[in-house]
Amino acid sequence: MAATFPGGVKVFTTKQAGNQIASAHINDLQDEVVAVETELRKTTGSVVDHGSLAGLTDNDHPQYVLVNDAKIHLMAGLKDDTAASITPPNAQGFLLYRRVGGTTGAIISFDAITGTAYCFKIAGSADIETRTGALTGTTGTDGKITISAHTDGKIYIENRLGTTLYGGYAAL
């Protein structure tokens, strides 16, 4: 790749902590970055197409668990004193839940299929509670969001906040 840099390539001296950088040099660096990005667009069609990177399926960080198809799902407005159910991709796992436009959220461990289904809040805000069983809309505590796992393979989310609930979740 041969990029043409505005004003030619600049030579910079190594800076030490506390040294000041002239604003003219910052502008030169920005111009060079723009020139490189422009050249990349000419040869690849975009600055970086992450889908065409090599090694996307490599497990380069074995200390982390690989999770396939973990997606954030947004829930349509859930009216007060109603419940909705979701079918997680796995019968056992974790649910990350967050209320849109607020500070409410939780990390929940669940088992939604065995005869001893459970739902346990690992961490989260005080206005989220967990339990087991199907929720009807008025099962949980008034003023809270109740999240429950049931033996039917579903996770239930119940809104008792007194207002319509908008939220998002990822089941892992």
Protein backbone atom coordinates (compact mmCIF):
# COMPACT_ATOMS: atom_id res chain seq x y z
CA MET A 1 0.00 0.00 0.00
CA ALA A 2 1.35 3.37 -0.96
CA ALA A 3 -0.46 6.15 0.82
CA THR A 4 0.17 9.75 -0.05
CA PHE A 5 0.35 11.80 3.11
CA PRO A 6 -0.54 15.49 3.04
CA GLY A 7 2.66 17.49 3.32
CA GLY A 8 4.86 14.37 3.20
CA VAL A 9 5.73 11.99 6.03
CA LYS A 10 6.69 13.76 9.26
CA VAL A 11 9.54 12.65 11.47
CA PHE A 12 8.76 12.82 15.16
CA THR A 13 11.18 12.59 18.05
CA THR A 14 10.49 10.24 20.95
CA LYS A 15 8.62 12.02 23.70
CA GLN A 16 9.12 11.50 27.40
CA ALA A 17 6.48 11.75 30.10
CA GLY A 18 5.67 15.41 30.67
CA ASN A 19 6.88 16.56 27.22
CA GLN A 20 4.46 18.71 25.28
CA ILE A 21 3.38 17.89 21.75
CA ALA A 22 2.89 20.82 19.40
CA SER A 23 -0.64 21.11 18.05
CA ALA A 24 0.79 21.22 14.52
CA HIS A 25 2.18 17.70 15.05
CA ILE A 26 -1.21 16.45 16.25
CA ASN A 27 -2.81 17.87 13.10
CA ASP A 28 -0.13 16.17 10.97
CA LEU A 29 -0.81 12.84 12.69
CA GLN A 30 -4.53 13.23 12.09
CA ASP A 31 -3.87 13.95 8.41
CA GLU A 32 -1.74 10.81 8.13
CA VAL A 33 -4.42 8.67 9.79
CA VAL A 34 -7.00 10.02 7.32
CA ALA A 35 -4.66 9.23 4.41
CA VAL A 36 -4.14 5.64 5.60
CA GLU A 37 -7.89 5.13 6.10
CA THR A 38 -8.56 6.53 2.62
CA GLU A 39 -6.05 4.12 1.09
CA LEU A 40 -7.60 1.19 2.97
CA ARG A 41 -11.03 2.11 1.64
CA LYS A 42 -9.64 2.05 -1.91
CA THR A 43 -8.12 -1.41 -1.55
CA THR A 44 -10.60 -3.17 0.76
CA GLY A 45 -13.84 -1.23 0.41
CA SER A 46 -13.81 -0.29 4.08
CA VAL A 47 -11.36 0.61 6.81
CA VAL A 48 -11.69 -2.82 8.45
CA ASP A 49 -14.19 -5.52 7.61
CA HIS A 50 -14.16 -7.51 10.84
CA GLY A 51 -15.99 -10.40 9.19
CA SER A 52 -13.07 -10.98 6.83
CA LEU A 53 -10.42 -11.11 9.54
CA ALA A 54 -8.49 -14.36 9.86
CA GLY A 55 -8.76 -16.44 13.03
CA LEU A 56 -12.23 -15.36 14.12
CA THR A 57 -13.00 -18.83 15.48
CA ASP A 58 -9.67 -19.23 17.29
CA ASN A 59 -9.79 -19.51 21.04
CA ASP A 60 -6.99 -17.01 21.69
CA HIS A 61 -8.13 -16.39 25.29
CA PRO A 62 -8.77 -19.81 26.87
CA GLN A 63 -9.33 -18.24 30.29
CA TYR A 64 -12.74 -17.07 28.99
CA VAL A 65 -15.70 -19.24 28.08
CA LEU A 66 -16.67 -19.14 24.41
CA VAL A 67 -20.36 -18.33 23.98
CA ASN A 68 -22.03 -18.78 20.62
CA ASP A 69 -25.03 -16.70 19.55
CA ALA A 70 -25.17 -14.52 22.68
CA LYS A 71 -27.39 -11.71 21.51
CA ILE A 72 -28.97 -8.76 23.24
CA HIS A 73 -32.76 -8.96 22.96
CA LEU A 74 -34.94 -5.92 23.54
CA MET A 75 -38.36 -6.52 25.02
CA ALA A 76 -41.36 -4.54 23.82
CA GLY A 77 -43.08 -2.49 26.50
CA LEU A 78 -44.27 -4.76 29.30
CA LYS A 79 -47.26 -3.10 30.98
CA ASP A 80 -47.58 -2.93 34.75
CA ASP A 81 -48.90 -6.11 36.38
CA THR A 82 -48.18 -8.30 33.36
CA ALA A 83 -45.61 -11.00 32.64
CA ALA A 84 -43.85 -12.30 29.55
CA SER A 85 -41.85 -15.45 28.95
CA ILE A 86 -38.71 -16.09 26.96
CA THR A 87 -37.14 -19.37 25.89
CA PRO A 88 -33.39 -19.23 26.58
CA PRO A 89 -30.98 -20.94 24.16
CA ASN A 90 -29.85 -23.26 26.98
CA ALA A 91 -31.85 -24.89 29.76
CA GLN A 92 -29.18 -23.83 32.25
CA GLY A 93 -27.11 -20.69 32.21
CA PHE A 94 -26.98 -17.03 33.02
CA LEU A 95 -29.32 -14.19 32.21
CA LEU A 96 -28.05 -10.63 31.99
CA TYR A 97 -30.97 -8.24 32.35
CA ARG A 98 -31.05 -4.45 32.13
CA ARG A 99 -33.90 -1.98 32.21
CA VAL A 100 -33.69 0.51 29.35
CA GLY A 101 -33.36 4.09 30.55
CA GLY A 102 -32.67 3.27 34.16
CA THR A 103 -30.12 1.84 36.55
CA THR A 104 -31.95 -1.44 37.10
CA GLY A 105 -30.13 -4.61 36.13
CA ALA A 106 -29.08 -8.05 37.30
CA ILE A 107 -26.93 -11.10 36.62
CA ILE A 108 -29.00 -14.22 37.22
CA SER A 109 -28.13 -17.92 37.29
CA PHE A 110 -30.95 -20.22 36.18
CA ASP A 111 -32.01 -23.79 35.50
CA ALA A 112 -35.23 -23.78 33.50
CA ILE A 113 -35.97 -27.41 32.79
CA THR A 114 -35.12 -29.86 35.54
CA GLY A 115 -37.58 -30.94 38.20
CA THR A 116 -35.75 -28.63 40.57
CA ALA A 117 -35.77 -25.45 38.48
CA TYR A 118 -34.12 -22.47 40.14
CA CYS A 119 -33.43 -18.81 39.51
CA PHE A 120 -30.85 -16.99 41.65
CA LYS A 121 -29.79 -13.33 41.49
CA ILE A 122 -25.98 -13.26 41.67
CA ALA A 123 -25.82 -9.46 41.64
CA GLY A 124 -28.20 -6.69 40.80
CA SER A 125 -30.34 -3.79 41.82
CA ALA A 126 -32.76 -4.02 44.74
CA ASP A 127 -35.85 -3.69 42.54
CA ILE A 128 -35.25 -7.08 40.89
CA GLU A 129 -36.19 -10.28 42.68
CA THR A 130 -36.00 -13.91 41.58
CA ARG A 131 -38.08 -17.00 42.21
CA THR A 132 -39.17 -20.20 40.46
CA GLY A 133 -42.39 -21.04 38.67
CA ALA A 134 -44.59 -19.40 36.05
CA LEU A 135 -45.48 -15.76 36.71
CA THR A 136 -48.96 -14.36 36.08
CA GLY A 137 -48.46 -10.61 36.31
CA THR A 138 -49.20 -10.21 40.01
CA THR A 139 -47.13 -13.06 41.46
CA GLY A 140 -44.12 -11.06 42.65
CA THR A 141 -43.76 -8.14 45.01
CA ASP A 142 -45.48 -4.90 44.03
CA GLY A 143 -42.91 -2.25 43.02
CA LYS A 144 -40.40 -4.81 41.69
CA ILE A 145 -39.40 -6.74 38.59
CA THR A 146 -39.58 -10.49 39.20
CA ILE A 147 -37.55 -12.90 37.07
CA SER A 148 -38.33 -16.59 37.37
CA ALA A 149 -37.26 -19.90 35.82
CA HIS A 150 -39.83 -22.66 35.38
CA THR A 151 -39.70 -26.37 34.55
CA ASP A 152 -41.36 -25.65 31.17
CA GLY A 153 -37.97 -24.41 29.87
CA LYS A 154 -38.96 -20.75 30.01
CA ILE A 155 -37.84 -17.71 31.95
CA TYR A 156 -40.59 -15.33 33.03
CA ILE A 157 -40.21 -11.59 33.52
CA GLU A 158 -42.94 -9.83 35.49
CA ASN A 159 -43.42 -6.08 35.80
CA ARG A 160 -44.91 -4.71 39.04
CA LEU A 161 -43.17 -1.29 38.86
CA GLY A 162 -46.32 0.77 38.29
CA THR A 163 -45.21 1.84 34.80
CA THR A 164 -44.48 0.22 31.44
CA LEU A 165 -41.17 -1.63 31.49
CA TYR A 166 -38.70 -1.58 28.60
CA GLY A 167 -35.76 -3.90 29.02
CA GLY A 168 -33.12 -5.97 27.33
CA TYR A 169 -31.55 -9.31 28.11
CA ALA A 170 -28.92 -11.77 26.97
CA ALA A 171 -29.18 -15.42 27.92
CA LEU A 172 -25.91 -17.32 28.01
